[in-house]
Amino acid sequence: MRRHGLTPSCAGRTIGSIAKKWGAWTMNSKPKAGNGARVSDQVADRILARIASGEWGPGHRLPGERQLAEEMGVSRVSIRAALQSLKTQGLLDAVQGGGTRVIASSAAMDPGILELVRVSRDNLHDLAEIRAILEAWAVGRAARNRSEADLAELSRIMEATEADISGGAHKSENDVCFHLAIAKAAGSGIYLHIMAVIRGILHQMVDYHRYELFPSREDDKIILGQHRAIFDAIKARDPAAAEEAMRAHLGFVLARYSRQPS
């Protein structure tokens, strides 16, 4: 696989219980001491709820301690303790120069996945199949949940893709951006974090697709048309059509895999 070095500029609590808590917690509700949990623990749970909801996705920089303290109605000491607890759990890390962000590093898993893919093309095919299942689910969610801002971002990516294909520019950067924008529009914190874990291999996978499996201008036009069908279904808020379009797109990719020599 060819790596071009471009990065897109672009058994605990159940999901239901997290969603229920998220619905009950707002930045205007003030944590209270004396109810069996420390204020810092309650603050940590509220920050975790915003991460789990997808509002604060991988790489998102959190507001400063003073702003969080004012919004939550607690002391900066409680905010600092909550942030430290989440850092210890591996959910947050410090930003160079000051501040805190949601963990976006895939260092713990990416090397293992990359090595598995490197030693066997079958593993790459398996990963593509898994991706097809996950992305069909995500695009249905995106069609239901997308905001006007999400739609505007997808539209911008589509326009950039058309311009780059016409100009013969790098093809895979906008492709990755398109799929990551769908992940964001899906509005699932869990899915965003799954995508963060496999983001490095996703870049390499798409590079391989666009420069090895689908190198021709005719391939470019076919894939652009498939992306257009996905975009149109998301714009129309049609989950069934969006899922069908994504399955057709990634099924096209998988069919090409099957024709490659071992």
Protein backbone atom coordinates (compact mmCIF):
# COMPACT_ATOMS: atom_id res chain seq x y z
CA MET A 1 0.00 0.00 0.00
CA ARG A 2 1.27 3.47 -0.84
CA ARG A 3 1.30 6.05 1.95
CA HIS A 4 1.27 9.67 0.84
CA GLY A 5 1.49 11.26 4.28
CA LEU A 6 -1.51 13.53 3.92
CA THR A 7 -3.83 13.99 6.86
CA PRO A 8 -7.37 15.29 6.35
CA SER A 9 -7.66 18.90 7.40
CA CYS A 10 -10.53 17.52 7.84
CA ALA A 11 -19.94 -4.34 30.57
CA GLY A 12 -20.58 -1.11 32.33
CA ARG A 13 -23.17 1.50 31.59
CA THR A 14 -25.32 0.72 28.57
CA ILE A 15 -25.78 3.19 25.74
CA GLY A 16 -29.35 3.64 26.92
CA SER A 17 -28.29 4.59 30.43
CA ILE A 18 -25.68 7.02 29.11
CA ALA A 19 -28.28 8.63 26.86
CA LYS A 20 -30.71 8.87 29.78
CA LYS A 21 -28.09 10.56 31.95
CA TRP A 22 -27.12 12.86 29.09
CA GLY A 23 -30.72 13.94 28.72
CA ALA A 24 -30.88 14.73 32.44
CA TRP A 25 -27.58 16.61 32.67
CA THR A 26 -27.16 20.10 31.28
CA MET A 27 -24.44 22.64 31.75
CA ASN A 28 -26.92 24.69 33.79
CA SER A 29 -27.54 22.00 36.40
CA LYS A 30 -25.23 22.38 39.35
CA PRO A 31 -23.62 19.29 40.95
CA LYS A 32 -24.52 18.96 44.62
CA ALA A 33 -22.38 17.66 47.44
CA GLY A 34 -23.73 15.34 50.08
CA ASN A 35 -25.70 12.97 47.83
CA GLY A 36 -23.23 10.07 48.02
CA ALA A 37 -20.82 11.26 45.31
CA ARG A 38 -18.10 13.85 45.37
CA VAL A 39 -18.72 16.98 43.33
CA SER A 40 -15.64 16.21 41.20
CA ASP A 41 -17.05 12.75 40.38
CA GLN A 42 -20.33 14.31 39.27
CA VAL A 43 -18.43 16.81 37.14
CA ALA A 44 -16.41 13.97 35.58
CA ASP A 45 -19.65 12.13 34.75
CA ARG A 46 -21.08 15.21 33.07
CA ILE A 47 -17.94 15.69 30.99
CA LEU A 48 -18.02 11.99 30.11
CA ALA A 49 -21.67 12.37 29.05
CA ARG A 50 -20.71 15.09 26.58
CA ILE A 51 -17.98 12.87 25.18
CA ALA A 52 -20.33 9.87 24.98
CA SER A 53 -22.98 11.94 23.20
CA GLY A 54 -20.51 12.91 20.47
CA GLU A 55 -20.70 16.62 21.33
CA TRP A 56 -17.03 16.51 22.30
CA GLY A 57 -15.45 14.09 19.83
CA PRO A 58 -11.88 12.78 19.52
CA GLY A 59 -9.41 15.64 19.44
CA HIS A 60 -11.91 18.23 20.72
CA ARG A 61 -10.30 20.82 23.00
CA LEU A 62 -12.30 21.38 26.16
CA PRO A 63 -13.10 24.86 27.49
CA GLY A 64 -10.68 26.16 30.11
CA GLU A 65 -11.02 25.36 33.80
CA ARG A 66 -12.46 28.79 34.62
CA GLN A 67 -15.12 28.56 31.91
CA LEU A 68 -16.10 25.02 32.92
CA ALA A 69 -16.31 26.06 36.56
CA GLU A 70 -18.57 29.00 35.72
CA GLU A 71 -20.81 26.95 33.42
CA MET A 72 -21.18 24.09 35.93
CA GLY A 73 -21.38 26.28 39.02
CA VAL A 74 -18.56 24.53 40.84
CA SER A 75 -15.06 25.41 42.00
CA ARG A 76 -12.00 25.18 39.78
CA VAL A 77 -10.64 22.66 42.29
CA SER A 78 -13.54 20.31 41.45
CA ILE A 79 -13.02 20.85 37.71
CA ARG A 80 -9.29 20.15 38.05
CA ALA A 81 -9.94 16.94 40.00
CA ALA A 82 -12.52 15.77 37.45
CA LEU A 83 -10.19 16.40 34.53
CA GLN A 84 -7.35 14.57 36.26
CA SER A 85 -9.62 11.58 36.89
CA LEU A 86 -10.57 11.39 33.20
CA LYS A 87 -6.92 11.75 32.18
CA THR A 88 -6.05 8.82 34.43
CA GLN A 89 -8.78 6.77 32.72
CA GLY A 90 -7.22 7.55 29.34
CA LEU A 91 -10.13 9.67 28.08
CA LEU A 92 -8.44 13.07 28.12
CA ASP A 93 -4.89 14.30 27.68
CA ALA A 94 -3.05 17.56 28.12
CA VAL A 95 -2.53 19.94 25.22
CA GLN A 96 0.96 21.32 24.73
CA GLY A 97 0.95 24.90 25.92
CA GLY A 98 -2.03 24.38 28.21
CA GLY A 99 -5.54 22.96 28.08
CA THR A 100 -7.17 19.56 27.78
CA ARG A 101 -8.58 17.60 24.86
CA VAL A 102 -10.46 14.36 24.24
CA ILE A 103 -8.05 11.56 23.41
CA ALA A 104 -7.64 11.21 19.64
CA SER A 105 -4.53 9.05 19.57
CA SER A 106 -4.84 5.56 18.12
CA ALA A 107 -1.30 4.62 19.11
CA ALA A 108 -2.42 1.75 21.34
CA MET A 109 -4.19 -0.14 18.53
CA ASP A 110 -3.13 1.24 15.16
CA PRO A 111 0.32 -0.43 15.06
CA GLY A 112 -1.24 -3.84 15.68
CA ILE A 113 -3.84 -3.36 12.96
CA LEU A 114 -1.25 -1.99 10.55
CA GLU A 115 0.97 -5.02 11.11
CA LEU A 116 -1.91 -7.47 10.58
CA VAL A 117 -2.80 -5.73 7.33
CA ARG A 118 0.82 -5.61 6.21
CA VAL A 119 1.36 -9.36 6.53
CA SER A 120 -1.91 -10.47 4.91
CA ARG A 121 -4.14 -9.06 2.20
CA ASP A 122 -6.94 -11.23 3.65
CA ASN A 123 -6.82 -9.11 6.80
CA LEU A 124 -7.23 -5.96 4.72
CA HIS A 125 -10.27 -7.53 3.07
CA ASP A 126 -11.69 -8.44 6.50
CA LEU A 127 -11.22 -4.88 7.70
CA ALA A 128 -12.98 -3.58 4.57
CA GLU A 129 -15.93 -5.91 5.28
CA ILE A 130 -16.16 -4.74 8.88
CA ARG A 131 -15.96 -1.14 7.73
CA ALA A 132 -18.82 -1.74 5.28
CA ILE A 133 -21.08 -2.97 8.08
CA LEU A 134 -20.20 -0.10 10.42
CA GLU A 135 -20.48 2.63 7.80
CA ALA A 136 -23.87 1.43 6.56
CA TRP A 137 -25.13 1.78 10.14
CA ALA A 138 -23.47 5.18 10.56
CA VAL A 139 -24.79 6.69 7.35
CA GLY A 140 -28.35 5.76 8.33
CA ARG A 141 -27.80 7.61 11.59
CA ALA A 142 -26.32 10.55 9.70
CA ALA A 143 -29.39 10.79 7.46
CA ARG A 144 -31.61 10.95 10.54
CA ASN A 145 -29.45 13.19 12.73
CA ARG A 146 -27.44 15.47 10.42
CA SER A 147 -27.51 19.20 11.06
CA GLU A 148 -27.37 21.95 8.47
CA ALA A 149 -23.73 22.45 9.46
CA ASP A 150 -23.03 18.75 8.80
CA LEU A 151 -24.71 19.04 5.40
CA ALA A 152 -22.70 22.15 4.56
CA GLU A 153 -19.45 20.35 5.43
CA LEU A 154 -20.37 17.35 3.27
CA SER A 155 -21.32 19.68 0.43
CA ARG A 156 -17.97 21.46 0.71
CA ILE A 157 -16.14 18.13 0.57
CA MET A 158 -18.13 17.04 -2.49
CA GLU A 159 -17.23 20.29 -4.28
CA ALA A 160 -13.55 19.90 -3.35
CA THR A 161 -13.58 16.30 -4.58
CA GLU A 162 -15.03 17.30 -7.94
CA ALA A 163 -12.46 20.08 -8.31
CA ASP A 164 -9.55 17.83 -7.36
CA ILE A 165 -10.62 15.07 -9.73
CA SER A 166 -10.99 17.59 -12.54
CA GLY A 167 -7.54 18.99 -11.77
CA GLY A 168 -5.83 15.65 -11.26
CA ALA A 169 -4.99 16.48 -7.63
CA HIS A 170 -4.58 14.08 -4.70
CA LYS A 171 -7.67 11.89 -4.60
CA SER A 172 -7.75 10.22 -1.20
CA GLU A 173 -7.69 13.19 1.20
CA ASN A 174 -11.24 14.30 0.38
CA ASP A 175 -12.37 10.66 0.34
CA VAL A 176 -11.27 10.22 3.95
CA CYS A 177 -12.79 13.60 4.89
CA PHE A 178 -16.12 12.52 3.38
CA HIS A 179 -16.32 9.37 5.49
CA LEU A 180 -15.17 11.14 8.66
CA ALA A 181 -17.78 13.87 8.10
CA ILE A 182 -20.46 11.17 7.91
CA ALA A 183 -19.14 9.76 11.20
CA LYS A 184 -19.53 13.18 12.81
CA ALA A 185 -23.01 13.68 11.35
CA ALA A 186 -24.10 10.32 12.79
CA GLY A 187 -23.99 11.90 16.24
CA SER A 188 -22.64 8.84 18.05
CA GLY A 189 -19.79 9.29 20.51
CA ILE A 190 -19.06 5.57 20.41
CA TYR A 191 -18.76 5.51 16.63
CA LEU A 192 -16.58 8.63 16.59
CA HIS A 193 -14.16 6.94 18.96
CA ILE A 194 -14.13 3.74 16.91
CA MET A 195 -13.26 5.83 13.86
CA ALA A 196 -10.52 7.58 15.86
CA VAL A 197 -8.96 4.22 16.67
CA ILE A 198 -8.85 3.09 13.04
CA ARG A 199 -8.21 6.53 11.52
CA GLY A 200 -4.57 5.83 10.72
CA ILE A 201 -5.32 2.58 8.90
CA LEU A 202 -8.31 4.25 7.21
CA HIS A 203 -5.95 6.79 5.62
CA GLN A 204 -3.72 4.02 4.30
CA MET A 205 -6.68 1.91 3.20
CA VAL A 206 -8.16 4.77 1.17
CA ASP A 207 -4.77 5.57 -0.36
CA TYR A 208 -4.56 1.92 -1.45
CA HIS A 209 -8.08 2.04 -2.87
CA ARG A 210 -7.61 5.25 -4.84
CA TYR A 211 -4.10 4.59 -6.20
CA GLU A 212 -3.98 0.80 -6.54
CA LEU A 213 -7.50 -0.64 -6.74
CA PHE A 214 -9.16 2.33 -8.52
CA PRO A 215 -6.42 4.26 -10.34
CA SER A 216 -8.27 5.36 -13.49
CA ARG A 217 -10.26 8.52 -14.20
CA GLU A 218 -13.26 6.29 -14.92
CA ASP A 219 -12.93 4.86 -11.41
CA ASP A 220 -12.82 8.42 -10.06
CA LYS A 221 -16.11 9.23 -11.79
CA ILE A 222 -17.78 6.05 -10.53
CA ILE A 223 -16.75 6.68 -6.92
CA LEU A 224 -17.75 10.34 -7.15
CA GLY A 225 -21.19 9.23 -8.35
CA GLN A 226 -21.46 6.80 -5.45
CA HIS A 227 -20.53 9.54 -2.98
CA ARG A 228 -23.10 11.81 -4.62
CA ALA A 229 -25.83 9.19 -4.06
CA ILE A 230 -24.83 8.92 -0.39
CA PHE A 231 -24.80 12.70 -0.01
CA ASP A 232 -28.20 13.12 -1.69
CA ALA A 233 -29.76 10.53 0.63
CA ILE A 234 -28.33 12.26 3.72
CA LYS A 235 -29.57 15.61 2.41
CA ALA A 236 -33.05 14.12 1.89
CA ARG A 237 -33.02 12.62 5.41
CA ASP A 238 -33.65 9.18 3.89
CA PRO A 239 -31.86 6.59 6.08
CA ALA A 240 -32.87 3.58 3.96
CA ALA A 241 -31.56 5.19 0.75
CA ALA A 242 -28.38 6.31 2.52
CA GLU A 243 -27.68 2.80 3.81
CA GLU A 244 -28.39 1.30 0.38
CA ALA A 245 -26.05 3.82 -1.29
CA MET A 246 -23.26 3.14 1.22
CA ARG A 247 -23.62 -0.63 0.79
CA ALA A 248 -23.46 -0.20 -2.99
CA HIS A 249 -20.34 1.98 -2.66
CA LEU A 250 -18.43 -0.30 -0.29
CA GLY A 251 -19.75 -3.41 -2.06
CA PHE A 252 -18.11 -2.05 -5.21
CA VAL A 253 -14.84 -1.79 -3.27
CA LEU A 254 -15.14 -5.33 -1.90
CA ALA A 255 -15.87 -6.73 -5.36
CA ARG A 256 -12.60 -5.22 -6.60
CA TYR A 257 -10.75 -6.80 -3.68
CA SER A 258 -12.03 -10.22 -4.72
CA ARG A 259 -10.44 -9.80 -8.14
CA GLN A 260 -6.97 -9.04 -6.74
CA PRO A 261 -4.29 -11.76 -6.71
CA SER A 262 -3.43 -13.16 -3.27
